[in-house]
Amino acid sequence: MIRSLLVSALLFLGVGYGLGTLPANETLFRVINQGAAGLPASFWATLTNLGATSVAVALLVAVTPWSMRPLWLAALAALPTTLLVHGLKKAVAAPRPAAVLEPQQIVWFDLLPKSGAFPSGHTATAVILGGALLCGFAVRRKRVAAQQRTLPEARIWLIGAGFVLLVFAIALSRVAVGAHWPSDVIGGLGAGLFGLTVAAFLIRRFPEPSPQTTRFLLVGGLATAAYAPFDHAIYPSGAALVWVVALAAWVGAIRRFGGQ
């Protein structure tokens, strides 16, 4: 599994970087960005906000009453992913669509950054979020099986597909809001998979956080959740769900603390 994750990560990073050198990258951007205008701006802004680190952390804190594993996996993946994303942003120094195209050529919502295109940090965060939620679901499934109960196969596939679809929807939203080229989100998928590769390696050795680490993660997660609605990376037209997720994080953390 770890080898497959690493190969996939390198493949996505390579394809993303290669696409960024081709004229097809701009053509594909225009198709997606203009096609996305058929849906409300709030829809794409809400999706893209889920890729903000503060919102993703808050969402993972919200599910801690069921399992600490998703938050723990994300914590293990955070550092390698952050180093890779920001290292590549500086090394590649690719301009974003707003720095290349005229304003009237972009359908945009609320924010329009101009630098640090490759890879997409929001997309990398989305991959970690999806992987963490899948991990939490797997833990939950094992607990159900231990109680001599089973989940319907169709439900298992549906939930798994839902998490994967969420990741790709967040990735697509980065092009829809005009913040990234398609090459950037493909690279972001690779960066997120790289982080999951490192986390998968580490979690075999440290399957659960210590009680002290658990408290640290919960307190840090609560602080992040409180900051999320005021994060400068949040798109205002999609901020309603951010408040809901932040509140859910506080409820989840209180339940988790109460259950210890």
Foldseek 3Di string as FASTA:
>chain_A
DLVVLLVLLVVLQVVLVVVVVDPVLVVVLLVLQVVLVVDDPLVLLQLLLCLDLLLLLLLLLLCPLLHVQLLLLLVQLPVQLVCVLVVCQVVVWDWFPPQPDDPVSGQAAQDADTTSAAADSSLLSLLSSLVSVLVSVVVNQVVCVVVVHHDDPVVNVVVNVVSVVSSVSNLSSCSNNRHYTNSRSSNSNSSNSNSSSSSVVVCVVVVDDDPVVSVVSLVVSLVSLVCSLVDPPRRVSNSPVSVVSSVSSVVSSVSNVVVD
